[in-house]
PDB file of all heavy atoms in Angstrom:
ATOM      1  N   VAL A   1       8.671 -21.974   1.837  1.00  0.00           N
ATOM      2  CA  VAL A   1       9.342 -22.342   0.586  1.00  0.00           C
ATOM      3  C   VAL A   1       9.768 -23.839   0.583  1.00  0.00           C
ATOM      4  O   VAL A   1      10.220 -24.306  -0.472  1.00  0.00           O
ATOM      5  CB  VAL A   1      10.569 -21.468   0.324  1.00  0.00           C
ATOM      6  CG1 VAL A   1      10.208 -20.024   0.373  1.00  0.00           C
ATOM      7  CG2 VAL A   1      11.691 -21.760   1.379  1.00  0.00           C
ATOM      8  N   LYS A   2       9.623 -24.516   1.704  1.00  0.00           N
ATOM      9  CA  LYS A   2      10.074 -25.898   1.758  1.00  0.00           C
ATOM     10  C   LYS A   2       9.370 -26.749   0.725  1.00  0.00           C
ATOM     11  O   LYS A   2       8.138 -26.671   0.612  1.00  0.00           O
ATOM     12  CB  LYS A   2       9.870 -26.438   3.154  1.00  0.00           C
ATOM     13  CG  LYS A   2      10.602 -27.698   3.433  1.00  0.00           C
ATOM     14  CD  LYS A   2      10.607 -28.054   4.937  1.00  0.00           C
ATOM     15  CE  LYS A   2      11.494 -29.200   5.245  1.00  0.00           C
ATOM     16  NZ  LYS A   2      11.555 -29.516   6.707  1.00  0.00           N
ATOM     17  N   GLY A   3      10.112 -27.561   0.025  1.00  0.00           N
ATOM     18  CA  GLY A   3       9.560 -28.385  -1.052  1.00  0.00           C
ATOM     19  C   GLY A   3       9.578 -27.777  -2.388  1.00  0.00           C
ATOM     20  O   GLY A   3       9.366 -28.423  -3.410  1.00  0.00           O
ATOM     21  N   ARG A   4       9.764 -26.442  -2.437  1.00  0.00           N
ATOM     22  CA  ARG A   4       9.797 -25.695  -3.695  1.00  0.00           C
ATOM     23  C   ARG A   4      11.171 -25.124  -3.996  1.00  0.00           C
ATOM     24  O   ARG A   4      11.561 -25.038  -5.186  1.00  0.00           O
ATOM     25  CB  ARG A   4       8.771 -24.555  -3.707  1.00  0.00           C
ATOM     26  CG  ARG A   4       7.342 -25.047  -3.484  1.00  0.00           C
ATOM     27  CD  ARG A   4       6.337 -23.893  -3.672  1.00  0.00           C
ATOM     28  NE  ARG A   4       6.543 -22.838  -2.679  1.00  0.00           N
ATOM     29  CZ  ARG A   4       6.795 -21.574  -2.979  1.00  0.00           C
ATOM     30  NH1 ARG A   4       6.918 -21.185  -4.254  1.00  0.00           N
ATOM     31  NH2 ARG A   4       6.950 -20.693  -1.982  1.00  0.00           N
ATOM     32  N   PHE A   5      11.870 -24.697  -3.019  1.00  0.00           N
ATOM     33  CA  PHE A   5      13.195 -24.051  -3.169  1.00  0.00           C
ATOM     34  C   PHE A   5      14.270 -25.034  -2.693  1.00  0.00           C
ATOM     35  O   PHE A   5      14.087 -25.823  -1.755  1.00  0.00           O
ATOM     36  CB  PHE A   5      13.299 -22.799  -2.295  1.00  0.00           C
ATOM     37  CG  PHE A   5      12.478 -21.642  -2.800  1.00  0.00           C
ATOM     38  CD1 PHE A   5      11.479 -21.799  -3.758  1.00  0.00           C
ATOM     39  CD2 PHE A   5      12.659 -20.389  -2.240  1.00  0.00           C
ATOM     40  CE1 PHE A   5      10.676 -20.733  -4.162  1.00  0.00           C
ATOM     41  CE2 PHE A   5      11.860 -19.321  -2.647  1.00  0.00           C
ATOM     42  CZ  PHE A   5      10.879 -19.485  -3.595  1.00  0.00           C
ATOM     43  N   THR A   6      15.440 -24.967  -3.342  1.00  0.00           N
ATOM     44  CA  THR A   6      16.573 -25.782  -2.950  1.00  0.00           C
ATOM     45  C   THR A   6      17.808 -24.939  -2.938  1.00  0.00           C
ATOM     46  O   THR A   6      18.145 -24.243  -3.888  1.00  0.00           O
ATOM     47  CB  THR A   6      16.777 -26.936  -3.918  1.00  0.00           C
ATOM     48  OG1 THR A   6      15.614 -27.763  -3.963  1.00  0.00           O
ATOM     49  CG2 THR A   6      17.970 -27.818  -3.475  1.00  0.00           C
ATOM     50  N   ILE A   7      18.526 -24.945  -1.797  1.00  0.00           N
ATOM     51  CA  ILE A   7      19.756 -24.192  -1.637  1.00  0.00           C
ATOM     52  C   ILE A   7      20.895 -25.151  -1.886  1.00  0.00           C
ATOM     53  O   ILE A   7      20.873 -26.334  -1.470  1.00  0.00           O
ATOM     54  CB  ILE A   7      19.867 -23.533  -0.287  1.00  0.00           C
ATOM     55  CG1 ILE A   7      21.067 -22.594  -0.252  1.00  0.00           C
ATOM     56  CG2 ILE A   7      19.870 -24.521   0.852  1.00  0.00           C
ATOM     57  CD1 ILE A   7      21.086 -21.665   0.971  1.00  0.00           C
ATOM     58  N   SER A   8      21.951 -24.677  -2.518  1.00  0.00           N
ATOM     59  CA  SER A   8      23.152 -25.439  -2.776  1.00  0.00           C
ATOM     60  C   SER A   8      24.345 -24.532  -2.808  1.00  0.00           C
ATOM     61  O   SER A   8      24.175 -23.308  -2.869  1.00  0.00           O
ATOM     62  CB  SER A   8      23.017 -26.256  -4.046  1.00  0.00           C
ATOM     63  OG  SER A   8      22.898 -25.429  -5.163  1.00  0.00           O
ATOM     64  N   ARG A   9      25.537 -25.069  -2.780  1.00  0.00           N
ATOM     65  CA  ARG A   9      26.732 -24.244  -2.796  1.00  0.00           C
ATOM     66  C   ARG A   9      27.852 -24.977  -3.504  1.00  0.00           C
ATOM     67  O   ARG A   9      27.913 -26.207  -3.453  1.00  0.00           O
ATOM     68  CB  ARG A   9      27.155 -23.790  -1.401  1.00  0.00           C
ATOM     69  CG  ARG A   9      27.558 -24.948  -0.438  1.00  0.00           C
ATOM     70  CD  ARG A   9      27.685 -24.469   0.980  1.00  0.00           C
ATOM     71  NE  ARG A   9      28.819 -23.530   1.122  1.00  0.00           N
ATOM     72  CZ  ARG A   9      29.055 -22.747   2.143  1.00  0.00           C
ATOM     73  NH1 ARG A   9      28.147 -22.774   3.140  1.00  0.00           N
ATOM     74  NH2 ARG A   9      30.105 -21.964   2.203  1.00  0.00           N
ATOM     75  N   ASP A  10      28.700 -24.230  -4.121  1.00  0.00           N
ATOM     76  CA  ASP A  10      29.896 -24.737  -4.770  1.00  0.00           C
ATOM     77  C   ASP A  10      31.058 -23.908  -4.210  1.00  0.00           C
ATOM     78  O   ASP A  10      31.310 -22.763  -4.608  1.00  0.00           O
ATOM     79  CB  ASP A  10      29.793 -24.543  -6.290  1.00  0.00           C
ATOM     80  CG  ASP A  10      30.966 -25.203  -7.038  1.00  0.00           C
ATOM     81  OD1 ASP A  10      32.031 -25.332  -6.417  1.00  0.00           O
ATOM     82  OD2 ASP A  10      30.790 -25.593  -8.178  1.00  0.00           O
ATOM     83  N   ASN A  11      31.726 -24.460  -3.237  1.00  0.00           N
ATOM     84  CA  ASN A  11      32.791 -23.714  -2.514  1.00  0.00           C
ATOM     85  C   ASN A  11      33.952 -23.415  -3.490  1.00  0.00           C
ATOM     86  O   ASN A  11      34.594 -22.381  -3.285  1.00  0.00           O
ATOM     87  CB  ASN A  11      33.244 -24.491  -1.327  1.00  0.00           C
ATOM     88  CG  ASN A  11      32.241 -24.585  -0.234  1.00  0.00           C
ATOM     89  OD1 ASN A  11      31.356 -23.684  -0.133  1.00  0.00           O
ATOM     90  ND2 ASN A  11      32.250 -25.635   0.572  1.00  0.00           N
ATOM     91  N   ALA A  12      34.235 -24.297  -4.392  1.00  0.00           N
ATOM     92  CA  ALA A  12      35.317 -24.031  -5.324  1.00  0.00           C
ATOM     93  C   ALA A  12      35.042 -22.814  -6.186  1.00  0.00           C
ATOM     94  O   ALA A  12      35.974 -22.073  -6.544  1.00  0.00           O
ATOM     95  CB  ALA A  12      35.589 -25.235  -6.206  1.00  0.00           C
ATOM     96  N   LYS A  13      33.790 -22.600  -6.498  1.00  0.00           N
ATOM     97  CA  LYS A  13      33.389 -21.428  -7.287  1.00  0.00           C
ATOM     98  C   LYS A  13      32.969 -20.249  -6.410  1.00  0.00           C
ATOM     99  O   LYS A  13      32.638 -19.165  -6.943  1.00  0.00           O
ATOM    100  CB  LYS A  13      32.224 -21.777  -8.206  1.00  0.00           C
ATOM    101  CG  LYS A  13      32.552 -22.800  -9.263  1.00  0.00           C
ATOM    102  CD  LYS A  13      31.397 -23.076 -10.179  1.00  0.00           C
ATOM    103  CE  LYS A  13      31.737 -24.072 -11.260  1.00  0.00           C
ATOM    104  NZ  LYS A  13      30.585 -24.333 -12.131  1.00  0.00           N
ATOM    105  N   LYS A  14      33.020 -20.434  -5.131  1.00  0.00           N
ATOM    106  CA  LYS A  14      32.675 -19.374  -4.134  1.00  0.00           C
ATOM    107  C   LYS A  14      31.273 -18.861  -4.433  1.00  0.00           C
ATOM    108  O   LYS A  14      31.009 -17.619  -4.442  1.00  0.00           O
ATOM    109  CB  LYS A  14      33.706 -18.251  -4.148  1.00  0.00           C
ATOM    110  CG  LYS A  14      35.053 -18.682  -3.743  1.00  0.00           C
ATOM    111  CD  LYS A  14      36.033 -17.468  -3.743  1.00  0.00           C
ATOM    112  CE  LYS A  14      37.435 -17.874  -3.271  1.00  0.00           C
ATOM    113  NZ  LYS A  14      38.332 -16.740  -3.270  1.00  0.00           N
ATOM    114  N   THR A  15      30.350 -19.762  -4.640  1.00  0.00           N
ATOM    115  CA  THR A  15      29.012 -19.390  -5.082  1.00  0.00           C
ATOM    116  C   THR A  15      27.996 -20.253  -4.369  1.00  0.00           C
ATOM    117  O   THR A  15      28.174 -21.436  -4.128  1.00  0.00           O
ATOM    118  CB  THR A  15      28.829 -19.623  -6.620  1.00  0.00           C
ATOM    119  OG1 THR A  15      29.844 -18.816  -7.277  1.00  0.00           O
ATOM    120  CG2 THR A  15      27.468 -19.165  -7.074  1.00  0.00           C
ATOM    121  N   VAL A  16      26.904 -19.605  -3.966  1.00  0.00           N
ATOM    122  CA  VAL A  16      25.719 -20.273  -3.423  1.00  0.00           C
ATOM    123  C   VAL A  16      24.537 -20.046  -4.349  1.00  0.00           C
ATOM    124  O   VAL A  16      24.436 -18.967  -4.940  1.00  0.00           O
ATOM    125  CB  VAL A  16      25.461 -19.800  -1.976  1.00  0.00           C
ATOM    126  CG1 VAL A  16      25.163 -18.338  -1.890  1.00  0.00           C
ATOM    127  CG2 VAL A  16      24.319 -20.637  -1.358  1.00  0.00           C
ATOM    128  N   TYR A  17      23.688 -21.017  -4.423  1.00  0.00           N
ATOM    129  CA  TYR A  17      22.542 -20.949  -5.366  1.00  0.00           C
ATOM    130  C   TYR A  17      21.242 -21.171  -4.597  1.00  0.00           C
ATOM    131  O   TYR A  17      21.196 -21.752  -3.562  1.00  0.00           O
ATOM    132  CB  TYR A  17      22.657 -22.053  -6.427  1.00  0.00           C
ATOM    133  CG  TYR A  17      23.965 -22.056  -7.161  1.00  0.00           C
ATOM    134  CD1 TYR A  17      25.013 -22.890  -6.768  1.00  0.00           C
ATOM    135  CD2 TYR A  17      24.149 -21.292  -8.285  1.00  0.00           C
ATOM    136  CE1 TYR A  17      26.226 -22.876  -7.470  1.00  0.00           C
ATOM    137  CE2 TYR A  17      25.323 -21.267  -8.966  1.00  0.00           C
ATOM    138  CZ  TYR A  17      26.358 -22.090  -8.547  1.00  0.00           C
ATOM    139  OH  TYR A  17      27.561 -22.091  -9.292  1.00  0.00           O
ATOM    140  N   LEU A  18      20.213 -20.633  -5.198  1.00  0.00           N
ATOM    141  CA  LEU A  18      18.849 -20.916  -4.726  1.00  0.00           C
ATOM    142  C   LEU A  18      18.003 -21.240  -5.947  1.00  0.00           C
ATOM    143  O   LEU A  18      17.666 -20.347  -6.740  1.00  0.00           O
ATOM    144  CB  LEU A  18      18.264 -19.698  -3.935  1.00  0.00           C
ATOM    145  CG  LEU A  18      16.877 -19.923  -3.325  1.00  0.00           C
ATOM    146  CD1 LEU A  18      17.038 -20.925  -2.138  1.00  0.00           C
ATOM    147  CD2 LEU A  18      16.276 -18.631  -2.821  1.00  0.00           C
ATOM    148  N   GLN A  19      17.657 -22.502  -6.083  1.00  0.00           N
ATOM    149  CA  GLN A  19      16.769 -22.967  -7.135  1.00  0.00           C
ATOM    150  C   GLN A  19      15.335 -22.805  -6.628  1.00  0.00           C
ATOM    151  O   GLN A  19      14.974 -23.372  -5.621  1.00  0.00           O
ATOM    152  CB  GLN A  19      17.085 -24.421  -7.490  1.00  0.00           C
ATOM    153  CG  GLN A  19      16.137 -24.963  -8.584  1.00  0.00           C
ATOM    154  CD  GLN A  19      16.347 -24.312  -9.937  1.00  0.00           C
ATOM    155  OE1 GLN A  19      17.472 -24.111 -10.344  1.00  0.00           O
ATOM    156  NE2 GLN A  19      15.285 -23.945 -10.608  1.00  0.00           N
ATOM    157  N   MET A  20      14.523 -22.046  -7.354  1.00  0.00           N
ATOM    158  CA  MET A  20      13.180 -21.711  -6.965  1.00  0.00           C
ATOM    159  C   MET A  20      12.236 -22.299  -7.998  1.00  0.00           C
ATOM    160  O   MET A  20      12.254 -21.835  -9.157  1.00  0.00           O
ATOM    161  CB  MET A  20      12.980 -20.203  -6.826  1.00  0.00           C
ATOM    162  CG  MET A  20      13.985 -19.549  -5.897  1.00  0.00           C
ATOM    163  SD  MET A  20      13.633 -17.805  -5.634  1.00  0.00           S
ATOM    164  CE  MET A  20      13.925 -17.178  -7.281  1.00  0.00           C
ATOM    165  N   ASN A  21      11.433 -23.243  -7.604  1.00  0.00           N
ATOM    166  CA  ASN A  21      10.466 -23.881  -8.486  1.00  0.00           C
ATOM    167  C   ASN A  21       9.051 -23.626  -7.983  1.00  0.00           C
ATOM    168  O   ASN A  21       8.860 -23.210  -6.817  1.00  0.00           O
ATOM    169  CB  ASN A  21      10.724 -25.387  -8.518  1.00  0.00           C
ATOM    170  CG  ASN A  21      12.047 -25.785  -9.105  1.00  0.00           C
ATOM    171  OD1 ASN A  21      12.568 -25.095  -9.985  1.00  0.00           O
ATOM    172  ND2 ASN A  21      12.599 -26.899  -8.621  1.00  0.00           N
ATOM    173  N   SER A  22       8.088 -23.816  -8.831  1.00  0.00           N
ATOM    174  CA  SER A  22       6.669 -23.659  -8.471  1.00  0.00           C
ATOM    175  C   SER A  22       6.447 -22.255  -7.842  1.00  0.00           C
ATOM    176  O   SER A  22       5.822 -22.172  -6.788  1.00  0.00           O
ATOM    177  CB  SER A  22       6.199 -24.766  -7.597  1.00  0.00           C
ATOM    178  OG  SER A  22       6.365 -26.043  -8.185  1.00  0.00           O
ATOM    179  N   LEU A  23       6.962 -21.258  -8.457  1.00  0.00           N
ATOM    180  CA  LEU A  23       6.889 -19.925  -7.872  1.00  0.00           C
ATOM    181  C   LEU A  23       5.487 -19.443  -7.821  1.00  0.00           C
ATOM    182  O   LEU A  23       4.631 -19.691  -8.658  1.00  0.00           O
ATOM    183  CB  LEU A  23       7.788 -18.954  -8.671  1.00  0.00           C
ATOM    184  CG  LEU A  23       9.274 -19.096  -8.418  1.00  0.00           C
ATOM    185  CD1 LEU A  23      10.062 -18.444  -9.532  1.00  0.00           C
ATOM    186  CD2 LEU A  23       9.630 -18.480  -7.051  1.00  0.00           C
ATOM    187  N   LYS A  24       5.245 -18.665  -6.756  1.00  0.00           N
ATOM    188  CA  LYS A  24       3.925 -18.083  -6.473  1.00  0.00           C
ATOM    189  C   LYS A  24       4.033 -16.560  -6.391  1.00  0.00           C
ATOM    190  O   LYS A  24       5.076 -16.028  -6.135  1.00  0.00           O
ATOM    191  CB  LYS A  24       3.370 -18.608  -5.123  1.00  0.00           C
ATOM    192  CG  LYS A  24       3.311 -20.121  -4.982  1.00  0.00           C
ATOM    193  CD  LYS A  24       2.902 -20.531  -3.563  1.00  0.00           C
ATOM    194  CE  LYS A  24       2.836 -22.015  -3.439  1.00  0.00           C
ATOM    195  NZ  LYS A  24       2.477 -22.418  -2.046  1.00  0.00           N
ATOM    196  N   PRO A  25       2.902 -15.874  -6.654  1.00  0.00           N
ATOM    197  CA  PRO A  25       2.937 -14.417  -6.526  1.00  0.00           C
ATOM    198  C   PRO A  25       3.492 -13.933  -5.202  1.00  0.00           C
ATOM    199  O   PRO A  25       4.171 -12.902  -5.123  1.00  0.00           O
ATOM    200  CB  PRO A  25       1.506 -13.994  -6.766  1.00  0.00           C
ATOM    201  CG  PRO A  25       0.968 -15.051  -7.667  1.00  0.00           C
ATOM    202  CD  PRO A  25       1.627 -16.327  -7.181  1.00  0.00           C
ATOM    203  N   GLU A  26       3.179 -14.609  -4.104  1.00  0.00           N
ATOM    204  CA  GLU A  26       3.675 -14.250  -2.802  1.00  0.00           C
ATOM    205  C   GLU A  26       5.183 -14.401  -2.617  1.00  0.00           C
ATOM    206  O   GLU A  26       5.738 -13.982  -1.623  1.00  0.00           O
ATOM    207  CB  GLU A  26       2.942 -14.993  -1.675  1.00  0.00           C
ATOM    208  CG  GLU A  26       2.896 -16.496  -1.887  1.00  0.00           C
ATOM    209  CD  GLU A  26       1.595 -16.991  -2.515  1.00  0.00           C
ATOM    210  OE1 GLU A  26       1.169 -16.367  -3.482  1.00  0.00           O
ATOM    211  OE2 GLU A  26       1.059 -17.979  -1.983  1.00  0.00           O
ATOM    212  N   ASP A  27       5.838 -15.010  -3.593  1.00  0.00           N
ATOM    213  CA  ASP A  27       7.294 -15.066  -3.583  1.00  0.00           C
ATOM    214  C   ASP A  27       7.920 -13.805  -4.086  1.00  0.00           C
ATOM    215  O   ASP A  27       9.155 -13.667  -4.015  1.00  0.00           O
ATOM    216  CB  ASP A  27       7.784 -16.272  -4.425  1.00  0.00           C
ATOM    217  CG  ASP A  27       7.386 -17.593  -3.871  1.00  0.00           C
ATOM    218  OD1 ASP A  27       7.459 -17.797  -2.630  1.00  0.00           O
ATOM    219  OD2 ASP A  27       7.028 -18.491  -4.646  1.00  0.00           O
ATOM    220  N   THR A  28       7.147 -12.913  -4.603  1.00  0.00           N
ATOM    221  CA  THR A  28       7.682 -11.651  -5.094  1.00  0.00           C
ATOM    222  C   THR A  28       8.370 -10.870  -3.969  1.00  0.00           C
ATOM    223  O   THR A  28       7.755 -10.605  -2.916  1.00  0.00           O
ATOM    224  CB  THR A  28       6.572 -10.776  -5.662  1.00  0.00           C
ATOM    225  OG1 THR A  28       6.033 -11.437  -6.818  1.00  0.00           O
ATOM    226  CG2 THR A  28       7.051  -9.407  -6.076  1.00  0.00           C
ATOM    227  N   ALA A  29       9.619 -10.555  -4.157  1.00  0.00           N
ATOM    228  CA  ALA A  29      10.435  -9.908  -3.128  1.00  0.00           C
ATOM    229  C   ALA A  29      11.798  -9.595  -3.676  1.00  0.00           C
ATOM    230  O   ALA A  29      12.171 -10.028  -4.773  1.00  0.00           O
ATOM    231  CB  ALA A  29      10.564 -10.861  -1.918  1.00  0.00           C
ATOM    232  N   VAL A  30      12.541  -8.825  -2.918  1.00  0.00           N
ATOM    233  CA  VAL A  30      13.948  -8.692  -3.122  1.00  0.00           C
ATOM    234  C   VAL A  30      14.625  -9.796  -2.334  1.00  0.00           C
ATOM    235  O   VAL A  30      14.408  -9.919  -1.127  1.00  0.00           O
ATOM    236  CB  VAL A  30      14.489  -7.301  -2.738  1.00  0.00           C
ATOM    237  CG1 VAL A  30      16.011  -7.200  -2.883  1.00  0.00           C
ATOM    238  CG2 VAL A  30      13.763  -6.193  -3.527  1.00  0.00           C
ATOM    239  N   TYR A  31      15.489 -10.552  -2.988  1.00  0.00           N
ATOM    240  CA  TYR A  31      16.162 -11.672  -2.359  1.00  0.00           C
ATOM    241  C   TYR A  31      17.613 -11.286  -2.094  1.00  0.00           C
ATOM    242  O   TYR A  31      18.359 -10.789  -2.956  1.00  0.00           O
ATOM    243  CB  TYR A  31      16.131 -12.895  -3.289  1.00  0.00           C
ATOM    244  CG  TYR A  31      14.764 -13.594  -3.262  1.00  0.00           C
ATOM    245  CD1 TYR A  31      13.673 -12.954  -3.875  1.00  0.00           C
ATOM    246  CD2 TYR A  31      14.590 -14.769  -2.623  1.00  0.00           C
ATOM    247  CE1 TYR A  31      12.419 -13.521  -3.841  1.00  0.00           C
ATOM    248  CE2 TYR A  31      13.352 -15.385  -2.604  1.00  0.00           C
ATOM    249  CZ  TYR A  31      12.261 -14.759  -3.216  1.00  0.00           C
ATOM    250  OH  TYR A  31      11.040 -15.377  -3.178  1.00  0.00           O
ATOM    251  N   TYR A  32      18.059 -11.533  -0.865  1.00  0.00           N
ATOM    252  CA  TYR A  32      19.364 -11.168  -0.383  1.00  0.00           C
ATOM    253  C   TYR A  32      20.183 -12.371  -0.014  1.00  0.00           C
ATOM    254  O   TYR A  32      19.743 -13.245   0.701  1.00  0.00           O
ATOM    255  CB  TYR A  32      19.252 -10.266   0.850  1.00  0.00           C
ATOM    256  CG  TYR A  32      18.503  -8.971   0.657  1.00  0.00           C
ATOM    257  CD1 TYR A  32      17.101  -8.904   0.853  1.00  0.00           C
ATOM    258  CD2 TYR A  32      19.154  -7.811   0.293  1.00  0.00           C
ATOM    259  CE1 TYR A  32      16.422  -7.757   0.685  1.00  0.00           C
ATOM    260  CE2 TYR A  32      18.455  -6.622   0.132  1.00  0.00           C
ATOM    261  CZ  TYR A  32      17.119  -6.625   0.302  1.00  0.00           C
ATOM    262  OH  TYR A  32      16.390  -5.453   0.147  1.00  0.00           O
ATOM    263  N   CYS A  33      21.371 -12.399  -0.555  1.00  0.00           N
ATOM    264  CA  CYS A  33      22.343 -13.385  -0.124  1.00  0.00           C
ATOM    265  C   CYS A  33      22.960 -12.989   1.252  1.00  0.00           C
ATOM    266  O   CYS A  33      23.089 -11.842   1.517  1.00  0.00           O
ATOM    267  CB  CYS A  33      23.458 -13.507  -1.174  1.00  0.00           C
ATOM    268  SG  CYS A  33      24.697 -14.798  -0.853  1.00  0.00           S
ATOM    269  N   ALA A  34      23.296 -13.986   2.030  1.00  0.00           N
ATOM    270  CA  ALA A  34      23.832 -13.716   3.361  1.00  0.00           C
ATOM    271  C   ALA A  34      24.879 -14.765   3.705  1.00  0.00           C
ATOM    272  O   ALA A  34      24.832 -15.905   3.325  1.00  0.00           O
ATOM    273  CB  ALA A  34      22.705 -13.782   4.409  1.00  0.00           C
ATOM    274  N   ALA A  35      25.868 -14.274   4.478  1.00  0.00           N
ATOM    275  CA  ALA A  35      26.963 -15.154   4.962  1.00  0.00           C
ATOM    276  C   ALA A  35      27.090 -15.004   6.476  1.00  0.00           C
ATOM    277  O   ALA A  35      27.066 -13.867   6.962  1.00  0.00           O
ATOM    278  CB  ALA A  35      28.268 -14.787   4.246  1.00  0.00           C
ATOM    279  N   GLY A  36      27.254 -16.105   7.142  1.00  0.00           N
ATOM    280  CA  GLY A  36      27.433 -16.076   8.573  1.00  0.00           C
ATOM    281  C   GLY A  36      26.110 -16.077   9.351  1.00  0.00           C
ATOM    282  O   GLY A  36      25.960 -15.361  10.352  1.00  0.00           O
ATOM    283  N   LEU A  37      25.171 -16.864   8.905  1.00  0.00           N
ATOM    284  CA  LEU A  37      23.882 -17.066   9.562  1.00  0.00           C
ATOM    285  C   LEU A  37      23.848 -18.504  10.111  1.00  0.00           C
ATOM    286  O   LEU A  37      24.821 -19.227  10.046  1.00  0.00           O
ATOM    287  CB  LEU A  37      22.714 -16.769   8.639  1.00  0.00           C
ATOM    288  CG  LEU A  37      22.536 -17.669   7.369  1.00  0.00           C
ATOM    289  CD1 LEU A  37      21.132 -17.443   6.851  1.00  0.00           C
ATOM    290  CD2 LEU A  37      23.580 -17.380   6.334  1.00  0.00           C
ATOM    291  N   THR A  38      22.692 -18.865  10.685  1.00  0.00           N
ATOM    292  CA  THR A  38      22.535 -20.173  11.271  1.00  0.00           C
ATOM    293  C   THR A  38      21.534 -21.004  10.484  1.00  0.00           C
ATOM    294  O   THR A  38      20.545 -20.455   9.973  1.00  0.00           O
ATOM    295  CB  THR A  38      22.147 -20.071  12.744  1.00  0.00           C
ATOM    296  OG1 THR A  38      21.979 -21.405  13.319  1.00  0.00           O
ATOM    297  CG2 THR A  38      20.843 -19.320  12.916  1.00  0.00           C
ATOM    298  N   VAL A  39      21.766 -22.309  10.482  1.00  0.00           N
ATOM    299  CA  VAL A  39      20.801 -23.235   9.880  1.00  0.00           C
ATOM    300  C   VAL A  39      19.807 -23.699  10.885  1.00  0.00           C
ATOM    301  O   VAL A  39      18.804 -24.412  10.542  1.00  0.00           O
ATOM    302  CB  VAL A  39      21.469 -24.434   9.292  1.00  0.00           C
ATOM    303  CG1 VAL A  39      22.444 -24.027   8.152  1.00  0.00           C
ATOM    304  CG2 VAL A  39      22.244 -25.231  10.320  1.00  0.00           C
ATOM    305  N   HIS A  40      19.937 -23.357  12.170  1.00  0.00           N
ATOM    306  CA  HIS A  40      19.152 -24.018  13.194  1.00  0.00           C
ATOM    307  C   HIS A  40      17.847 -23.276  13.545  1.00  0.00           C
ATOM    308  O   HIS A  40      16.945 -23.903  14.081  1.00  0.00           O
ATOM    309  CB  HIS A  40      20.015 -24.153  14.470  1.00  0.00           C
ATOM    310  CG  HIS A  40      21.243 -24.956  14.282  1.00  0.00           C
ATOM    311  ND1 HIS A  40      21.204 -26.280  13.863  1.00  0.00           N
ATOM    312  CD2 HIS A  40      22.555 -24.628  14.394  1.00  0.00           C
ATOM    313  CE1 HIS A  40      22.450 -26.712  13.769  1.00  0.00           C
ATOM    314  NE2 HIS A  40      23.241 -25.784  14.094  1.00  0.00           N
ATOM    315  N   THR A  41      17.785 -21.992  13.229  1.00  0.00           N
ATOM    316  CA  THR A  41      16.612 -21.209  13.566  1.00  0.00           C
ATOM    317  C   THR A  41      16.307 -20.218  12.466  1.00  0.00           C
ATOM    318  O   THR A  41      17.071 -20.073  11.505  1.00  0.00           O
ATOM    319  CB  THR A  41      16.782 -20.408  14.882  1.00  0.00           C
ATOM    320  OG1 THR A  41      17.671 -19.291  14.667  1.00  0.00           O
ATOM    321  CG2 THR A  41      17.285 -21.314  15.982  1.00  0.00           C
TER     322      THR A  41
END
């Protein structure tokens, strides 16, 4: 998804976003929000 999706967050609104551009059929899925994961792996 790199180069097509952008993650952002607004802590004041307690909200995280995922902007998905240039979507492909293989992006079809159930998308789950998660808290307490790592950015490193």
